Amino acid sequence: MINSYIDIPINFKVITQKQEIPKISMKQSIHNMIHLISTTSFGELKHDQDFGCEIWMHDFNNIYNTHSFKEDLRKSIKQSIEKNEKRIENVNVELNIEQAEIKIKGRRAKVRVNLIVTGTIEKTNEQLTHHEKFFIGPLSYY
């Protein structure tokens, strides 16, 4: 497969030194776009206020109804991927939400969101599976 997609974040040092920008595969580009969608809040992108998902709306909230939160977030991510990533079809979004204790300056309890996105790459009919994990309150990912 021809690597004709630019990686994000863009390495501007390469551009200013007039070197060729490294290219990535379409599959990696799709993974990057899903990551960008899932880590961007609505309104953050000035020319498209609907780009992103609602994960940031819950960043500091106490989640009382995990089922409702999970379903709202799942729908938000799915709709955004279907709208903004046209290279995949038959998108399915699965979320698992759990309490996690992390050791950062002592012990802190945070909500961990495990995101799994599956779909089919339209051009190649290849299956795509994207895994991502987030901590909410404040939002962080690894």
N, C-alpha and C. Protein backbone atom coordinates (compact mmCIF):
# COMPACT_ATOMS: atom_id res chain seq x y z
N MET A 1 0.84 -1.17 0.00
CA MET A 1 0.00 0.00 0.00
C MET A 1 0.89 1.24 0.00
N ILE A 2 0.53 2.22 -0.78
CA ILE A 2 1.31 3.45 -0.87
C ILE A 2 1.09 4.28 0.39
N ASN A 3 2.19 4.73 0.99
CA ASN A 3 2.11 5.59 2.16
C ASN A 3 2.00 7.03 1.70
N SER A 4 0.77 7.52 1.62
CA SER A 4 0.58 8.87 1.10
C SER A 4 -0.14 9.79 2.08
N TYR A 5 -0.10 9.46 3.35
CA TYR A 5 -0.77 10.26 4.36
C TYR A 5 0.26 10.86 5.31
N ILE A 6 -0.03 12.07 5.77
CA ILE A 6 0.89 12.77 6.67
C ILE A 6 0.54 12.43 8.11
N ASP A 7 1.55 12.15 8.91
CA ASP A 7 1.37 11.81 10.32
C ASP A 7 1.00 13.06 11.11
N ILE A 8 0.23 12.88 12.16
CA ILE A 8 -0.05 13.98 13.08
C ILE A 8 0.45 13.58 14.46
N PRO A 9 0.97 14.48 15.23
CA PRO A 9 1.16 15.89 14.92
C PRO A 9 2.26 16.09 13.88
N ILE A 10 2.12 17.15 13.12
CA ILE A 10 3.07 17.45 12.04
C ILE A 10 4.38 17.92 12.65
N ASN A 11 5.47 17.39 12.12
CA ASN A 11 6.81 17.79 12.55
C ASN A 11 7.25 19.00 11.71
N PHE A 12 7.07 20.19 12.25
CA PHE A 12 7.37 21.40 11.50
C PHE A 12 8.86 21.62 11.31
N LYS A 13 9.68 21.00 12.13
CA LYS A 13 11.13 21.11 11.96
C LYS A 13 11.54 20.55 10.60
N VAL A 14 10.93 19.45 10.20
CA VAL A 14 11.22 18.84 8.90
C VAL A 14 10.84 19.81 7.78
N ILE A 15 9.71 20.47 7.92
CA ILE A 15 9.25 21.42 6.90
C ILE A 15 10.19 22.61 6.80
N THR A 16 10.57 23.18 7.94
CA THR A 16 11.43 24.36 7.91
C THR A 16 12.83 24.04 7.39
N GLN A 17 13.24 22.78 7.51
CA GLN A 17 14.54 22.37 6.98
C GLN A 17 14.43 21.86 5.54
N LYS A 18 13.23 22.03 4.95
CA LYS A 18 12.96 21.66 3.56
C LYS A 18 13.26 20.20 3.26
N GLN A 19 12.95 19.36 4.26
CA GLN A 19 13.09 17.92 4.07
C GLN A 19 11.73 17.34 3.73
N GLU A 20 11.73 16.12 3.21
CA GLU A 20 10.47 15.48 2.86
C GLU A 20 9.74 15.06 4.14
N ILE A 21 8.44 15.32 4.15
CA ILE A 21 7.61 14.98 5.30
C ILE A 21 7.39 13.47 5.31
N PRO A 22 7.65 12.80 6.45
CA PRO A 22 7.42 11.35 6.53
C PRO A 22 5.95 11.02 6.27
N LYS A 23 5.72 9.93 5.58
CA LYS A 23 4.37 9.49 5.25
C LYS A 23 4.02 8.25 6.05
N ILE A 24 2.72 8.04 6.24
CA ILE A 24 2.22 6.88 6.95
C ILE A 24 1.17 6.18 6.09
N SER A 25 0.80 4.99 6.49
CA SER A 25 -0.21 4.22 5.75
C SER A 25 -1.61 4.77 6.01
N MET A 26 -2.53 4.39 5.17
CA MET A 26 -3.92 4.81 5.35
C MET A 26 -4.46 4.27 6.68
N LYS A 27 -4.11 3.05 7.02
CA LYS A 27 -4.58 2.45 8.27
C LYS A 27 -4.10 3.26 9.48
N GLN A 28 -2.84 3.66 9.49
CA GLN A 28 -2.32 4.47 10.59
C GLN A 28 -2.97 5.85 10.60
N SER A 29 -3.24 6.40 9.43
CA SER A 29 -3.92 7.69 9.33
C SER A 29 -5.33 7.61 9.92
N ILE A 30 -6.02 6.51 9.68
CA ILE A 30 -7.36 6.32 10.27
C ILE A 30 -7.27 6.21 11.78
N HIS A 31 -6.29 5.46 12.28
CA HIS A 31 -6.08 5.38 13.74
C HIS A 31 -5.85 6.78 14.32
N ASN A 32 -5.02 7.57 13.64
CA ASN A 32 -4.74 8.93 14.12
C ASN A 32 -6.01 9.78 14.16
N MET A 33 -6.87 9.64 13.14
CA MET A 33 -8.10 10.43 13.09
C MET A 33 -9.05 10.01 14.20
N ILE A 34 -9.17 8.72 14.46
CA ILE A 34 -10.04 8.26 15.55
C ILE A 34 -9.52 8.79 16.89
N HIS A 35 -8.21 8.76 17.07
CA HIS A 35 -7.62 9.32 18.30
C HIS A 35 -7.94 10.81 18.41
N LEU A 36 -7.79 11.53 17.31
CA LEU A 36 -8.05 12.97 17.31
C LEU A 36 -9.52 13.26 17.63
N ILE A 37 -10.43 12.49 17.04
CA ILE A 37 -11.85 12.66 17.32
C ILE A 37 -12.15 12.41 18.80
N SER A 38 -11.59 11.34 19.33
CA SER A 38 -11.92 10.96 20.70
C SER A 38 -11.24 11.82 21.76
N THR A 39 -10.26 12.61 21.38
CA THR A 39 -9.59 13.48 22.36
C THR A 39 -9.86 14.97 22.13
N THR A 40 -10.78 15.27 21.24
CA THR A 40 -11.13 16.66 20.94
C THR A 40 -12.52 16.95 21.47
N SER A 41 -12.68 18.08 22.12
CA SER A 41 -14.00 18.45 22.63
C SER A 41 -14.76 19.24 21.57
N PHE A 42 -16.08 19.18 21.64
CA PHE A 42 -16.90 19.97 20.73
C PHE A 42 -16.54 21.45 20.90
N GLY A 43 -16.44 22.16 19.77
CA GLY A 43 -16.14 23.58 19.80
C GLY A 43 -14.66 23.91 19.80
N GLU A 44 -13.81 22.92 19.95
CA GLU A 44 -12.37 23.16 20.01
C GLU A 44 -11.79 23.50 18.63
N LEU A 45 -12.37 22.94 17.58
CA LEU A 45 -11.93 23.19 16.22
C LEU A 45 -12.77 24.33 15.66
N LYS A 46 -12.16 25.48 15.45
CA LYS A 46 -12.91 26.70 15.12
C LYS A 46 -13.73 26.59 13.84
N HIS A 47 -13.22 25.92 12.81
CA HIS A 47 -13.97 25.86 11.55
C HIS A 47 -15.00 24.73 11.50
N ASP A 48 -15.04 23.87 12.51
CA ASP A 48 -16.05 22.81 12.61
C ASP A 48 -16.35 22.58 14.08
N GLN A 49 -17.35 23.28 14.57
CA GLN A 49 -17.71 23.23 15.98
C GLN A 49 -18.25 21.86 16.41
N ASP A 50 -18.65 21.02 15.45
CA ASP A 50 -19.19 19.69 15.75
C ASP A 50 -18.14 18.59 15.71
N PHE A 51 -16.88 18.94 15.46
CA PHE A 51 -15.82 17.93 15.43
C PHE A 51 -15.45 17.57 16.87
N GLY A 52 -15.28 16.29 17.13
CA GLY A 52 -14.89 15.83 18.46
C GLY A 52 -15.93 14.92 19.06
N CYS A 53 -15.91 14.80 20.37
CA CYS A 53 -16.92 14.00 21.08
C CYS A 53 -17.17 14.64 22.44
N GLU A 54 -18.12 14.10 23.15
CA GLU A 54 -18.54 14.75 24.40
C GLU A 54 -17.78 14.29 25.63
N ILE A 55 -16.67 13.60 25.46
CA ILE A 55 -15.92 13.11 26.63
C ILE A 55 -15.50 14.27 27.55
N TRP A 56 -15.16 15.40 26.98
CA TRP A 56 -14.72 16.55 27.79
C TRP A 56 -15.85 17.14 28.61
N MET A 57 -17.09 16.93 28.17
CA MET A 57 -18.23 17.47 28.91
C MET A 57 -18.37 16.77 30.26
N HIS A 58 -17.74 15.60 30.40
CA HIS A 58 -17.85 14.81 31.62
C HIS A 58 -16.54 14.76 32.39
N ASP A 59 -15.57 15.55 31.97
CA ASP A 59 -14.23 15.43 32.50
C ASP A 59 -14.15 15.56 34.02
N PHE A 60 -14.84 16.51 34.60
CA PHE A 60 -14.76 16.72 36.04
C PHE A 60 -16.07 16.36 36.76
N ASN A 61 -17.00 15.76 36.02
CA ASN A 61 -18.29 15.39 36.62
C ASN A 61 -18.16 14.12 37.45
N ASN A 62 -18.97 14.05 38.48
CA ASN A 62 -19.14 12.78 39.18
C ASN A 62 -20.13 11.97 38.36
N ILE A 63 -19.76 10.76 38.03
CA ILE A 63 -20.61 9.94 37.18
C ILE A 63 -21.47 9.07 38.08
N TYR A 64 -22.76 9.40 38.15
CA TYR A 64 -23.67 8.69 39.02
C TYR A 64 -24.34 7.52 38.29
N ASN A 65 -24.61 7.69 37.02
CA ASN A 65 -25.26 6.65 36.24
C ASN A 65 -24.29 6.19 35.15
N THR A 66 -23.49 5.19 35.46
CA THR A 66 -22.45 4.72 34.54
C THR A 66 -23.04 4.24 33.23
N HIS A 67 -24.17 3.55 33.28
CA HIS A 67 -24.79 3.03 32.06
C HIS A 67 -25.18 4.16 31.12
N SER A 68 -25.83 5.18 31.64
CA SER A 68 -26.26 6.32 30.83
C SER A 68 -25.05 7.07 30.26
N PHE A 69 -24.05 7.31 31.11
CA PHE A 69 -22.83 7.98 30.66
C PHE A 69 -22.16 7.19 29.54
N LYS A 70 -22.05 5.90 29.74
CA LYS A 70 -21.39 5.02 28.76
C LYS A 70 -22.13 5.06 27.42
N GLU A 71 -23.45 4.97 27.46
CA GLU A 71 -24.23 4.95 26.21
C GLU A 71 -24.18 6.30 25.51
N ASP A 72 -24.27 7.40 26.24
CA ASP A 72 -24.19 8.74 25.64
C ASP A 72 -22.83 8.95 24.99
N LEU A 73 -21.77 8.57 25.68
CA LEU A 73 -20.42 8.74 25.15
C LEU A 73 -20.19 7.84 23.94
N ARG A 74 -20.67 6.61 24.00
CA ARG A 74 -20.54 5.67 22.89
C ARG A 74 -21.21 6.23 21.63
N LYS A 75 -22.43 6.73 21.78
CA LYS A 75 -23.16 7.31 20.64
C LYS A 75 -22.43 8.53 20.09
N SER A 76 -21.93 9.37 20.96
CA SER A 76 -21.22 10.58 20.54
C SER A 76 -19.98 10.23 19.72
N ILE A 77 -19.20 9.28 20.21
CA ILE A 77 -17.98 8.88 19.48
C ILE A 77 -18.34 8.23 18.15
N LYS A 78 -19.33 7.36 18.15
CA LYS A 78 -19.74 6.67 16.92
C LYS A 78 -20.23 7.67 15.87
N GLN A 79 -21.09 8.59 16.26
CA GLN A 79 -21.61 9.59 15.33
C GLN A 79 -20.50 10.46 14.77
N SER A 80 -19.57 10.84 15.61
CA SER A 80 -18.47 11.69 15.16
C SER A 80 -17.54 10.95 14.20
N ILE A 81 -17.27 9.68 14.48
CA ILE A 81 -16.42 8.90 13.58
C ILE A 81 -17.11 8.73 12.24
N GLU A 82 -18.40 8.41 12.27
CA GLU A 82 -19.14 8.23 11.01
C GLU A 82 -19.19 9.52 10.20
N LYS A 83 -19.25 10.65 10.88
CA LYS A 83 -19.30 11.94 10.19
C LYS A 83 -17.93 12.38 9.67
N ASN A 84 -16.89 12.15 10.46
CA ASN A 84 -15.58 12.74 10.16
C ASN A 84 -14.55 11.78 9.58
N GLU A 85 -14.78 10.50 9.65
CA GLU A 85 -13.82 9.53 9.10
C GLU A 85 -14.54 8.67 8.06
N LYS A 86 -14.59 9.18 6.84
CA LYS A 86 -15.35 8.54 5.75
C LYS A 86 -14.64 7.32 5.17
N ARG A 87 -13.41 7.07 5.57
CA ARG A 87 -12.67 5.94 5.00
C ARG A 87 -13.04 4.61 5.62
N ILE A 88 -13.82 4.62 6.71
CA ILE A 88 -14.27 3.37 7.30
C ILE A 88 -15.79 3.32 7.33
N GLU A 89 -16.30 2.11 7.25
CA GLU A 89 -17.74 1.89 7.29
C GLU A 89 -18.04 0.79 8.30
N ASN A 90 -19.33 0.57 8.56
CA ASN A 90 -19.77 -0.42 9.56
C ASN A 90 -19.07 -0.19 10.91
N VAL A 91 -19.08 1.05 11.33
CA VAL A 91 -18.40 1.43 12.58
C VAL A 91 -19.16 0.89 13.78
N ASN A 92 -18.42 0.28 14.68
CA ASN A 92 -18.97 -0.19 15.95
C ASN A 92 -18.08 0.35 17.07
N VAL A 93 -18.69 0.90 18.09
CA VAL A 93 -17.94 1.47 19.21
C VAL A 93 -18.34 0.73 20.48
N GLU A 94 -17.34 0.26 21.19
CA GLU A 94 -17.54 -0.45 22.46
C GLU A 94 -16.80 0.31 23.54
N LEU A 95 -17.45 0.51 24.67
CA LEU A 95 -16.82 1.19 25.80
C LEU A 95 -16.92 0.34 27.05
N ASN A 96 -15.85 0.30 27.79
CA ASN A 96 -15.85 -0.32 29.12
C ASN A 96 -15.39 0.75 30.09
N ILE A 97 -16.14 0.92 31.15
CA ILE A 97 -15.84 1.96 32.13
C ILE A 97 -15.60 1.30 33.47
N GLU A 98 -14.49 1.71 34.11
CA GLU A 98 -14.16 1.12 35.42
C GLU A 98 -13.43 2.14 36.28
N GLN A 99 -13.51 1.93 37.58
CA GLN A 99 -12.75 2.73 38.52
C GLN A 99 -11.31 2.22 38.51
N ALA A 100 -10.37 3.13 38.49
CA ALA A 100 -8.97 2.74 38.51
C ALA A 100 -8.25 3.59 39.54
N GLU A 101 -7.34 2.97 40.25
CA GLU A 101 -6.54 3.69 41.23
C GLU A 101 -5.15 3.86 40.63
N ILE A 102 -4.70 5.10 40.53
CA ILE A 102 -3.39 5.35 39.96
C ILE A 102 -2.52 6.04 40.99
N LYS A 103 -1.23 5.88 40.84
CA LYS A 103 -0.28 6.46 41.78
C LYS A 103 0.40 7.67 41.15
N ILE A 104 -0.18 8.82 41.38
CA ILE A 104 0.41 10.08 40.96
C ILE A 104 0.35 10.99 42.18
N LYS A 105 1.51 11.27 42.78
CA LYS A 105 1.55 12.08 44.00
C LYS A 105 0.57 11.53 45.03
N GLY A 106 0.73 10.30 45.37
CA GLY A 106 -0.20 9.62 46.26
C GLY A 106 -1.12 8.74 45.43
N ARG A 107 -2.23 8.36 45.99
CA ARG A 107 -3.19 7.52 45.27
C ARG A 107 -4.41 8.35 44.90
N ARG A 108 -4.85 8.16 43.66
CA ARG A 108 -6.04 8.85 43.19
C ARG A 108 -6.94 7.86 42.48
N ALA A 109 -8.21 7.98 42.72
CA ALA A 109 -9.19 7.15 41.99
C ALA A 109 -9.66 7.95 40.79
N LYS A 110 -9.63 7.33 39.64
CA LYS A 110 -10.09 7.96 38.42
C LYS A 110 -10.96 6.98 37.67
N VAL A 111 -11.73 7.50 36.74
CA VAL A 111 -12.55 6.65 35.89
C VAL A 111 -11.75 6.37 34.62
N ARG A 112 -11.58 5.06 34.32
CA ARG A 112 -10.87 4.68 33.11
C ARG A 112 -11.90 4.25 32.07
N VAL A 113 -11.77 4.82 30.87
CA VAL A 113 -12.63 4.47 29.74
C VAL A 113 -11.78 3.70 28.74
N ASN A 114 -12.16 2.46 28.48
CA ASN A 114 -11.50 1.64 27.47
C ASN A 114 -12.36 1.69 26.21
N LEU A 115 -11.80 2.24 25.14
CA LEU A 115 -12.52 2.44 23.89
C LEU A 115 -12.02 1.45 22.85
N ILE A 116 -12.96 0.76 22.21
CA ILE A 116 -12.63 -0.13 21.10
C ILE A 116 -13.53 0.24 19.93
N VAL A 117 -12.90 0.63 18.83
CA VAL A 117 -13.63 0.98 17.61
C VAL A 117 -13.28 -0.06 16.56
N THR A 118 -14.31 -0.64 15.95
CA THR A 118 -14.09 -1.58 14.86
C THR A 118 -14.84 -1.09 13.63
N GLY A 119 -14.35 -1.48 12.49
CA GLY A 119 -15.00 -1.11 11.24
C GLY A 119 -14.26 -1.75 10.08
N THR A 120 -14.69 -1.40 8.89
CA THR A 120 -14.09 -1.92 7.67
C THR A 120 -13.55 -0.75 6.86
N ILE A 121 -12.29 -0.86 6.44
CA ILE A 121 -11.71 0.18 5.58
C ILE A 121 -12.36 0.04 4.21
N GLU A 122 -13.03 1.09 3.81
CA GLU A 122 -13.84 1.05 2.58
C GLU A 122 -13.02 0.70 1.34
N LYS A 123 -11.86 1.29 1.20
CA LYS A 123 -11.04 1.11 -0.01
C LYS A 123 -10.46 -0.30 -0.15
N THR A 124 -10.10 -0.93 0.97
CA THR A 124 -9.41 -2.23 0.92
C THR A 124 -10.25 -3.38 1.47
N ASN A 125 -11.41 -3.07 2.06
CA ASN A 125 -12.28 -4.06 2.69
C ASN A 125 -11.57 -4.77 3.86
N GLU A 126 -10.56 -4.13 4.42
CA GLU A 126 -9.78 -4.68 5.53
C GLU A 126 -10.43 -4.29 6.85
N GLN A 127 -10.44 -5.22 7.81
CA GLN A 127 -10.97 -4.94 9.14
C GLN A 127 -10.02 -4.02 9.90
N LEU A 128 -10.58 -3.10 10.65
CA LEU A 128 -9.80 -2.17 11.46
C LEU A 128 -10.28 -2.28 12.90
N THR A 129 -9.34 -2.38 13.83
CA THR A 129 -9.66 -2.35 15.25
C THR A 129 -8.76 -1.32 15.91
N HIS A 130 -9.39 -0.38 16.59
CA HIS A 130 -8.66 0.70 17.26
C HIS A 130 -8.94 0.60 18.76
N HIS A 131 -7.87 0.55 19.56
CA HIS A 131 -7.99 0.51 21.03
C HIS A 131 -7.43 1.80 21.60
N GLU A 132 -8.10 2.32 22.60
CA GLU A 132 -7.64 3.54 23.26
C GLU A 132 -8.13 3.52 24.70
N LYS A 133 -7.33 4.08 25.60
CA LYS A 133 -7.72 4.14 27.01
C LYS A 133 -7.60 5.59 27.48
N PHE A 134 -8.60 6.04 28.24
CA PHE A 134 -8.64 7.40 28.77
C PHE A 134 -8.87 7.34 30.26
N PHE A 135 -8.32 8.32 30.95
CA PHE A 135 -8.69 8.56 32.35
C PHE A 135 -9.46 9.86 32.36
N ILE A 136 -10.59 9.87 33.05
CA ILE A 136 -11.41 11.08 33.14
C ILE A 136 -11.24 11.68 34.53
N GLY A 137 -11.16 13.00 34.57
CA GLY A 137 -11.13 13.77 35.81
C GLY A 137 -9.74 13.99 36.38
N PRO A 138 -8.89 14.76 35.76
CA PRO A 138 -8.99 15.36 34.45
C PRO A 138 -8.64 14.36 33.35
N LEU A 139 -9.10 14.66 32.13
CA LEU A 139 -8.90 13.78 30.99
C LEU A 139 -7.41 13.57 30.73
N SER A 140 -6.99 12.33 30.58
CA SER A 140 -5.66 11.97 30.15
C SER A 140 -5.76 10.65 29.44
N TYR A 141 -4.78 10.33 28.63
CA TYR A 141 -4.85 9.07 27.89
C TYR A 141 -3.46 8.48 27.79
N TYR A 142 -3.43 7.19 27.48
CA TYR A 142 -2.14 6.50 27.31
C TYR A 142 -2.29 5.43 26.26
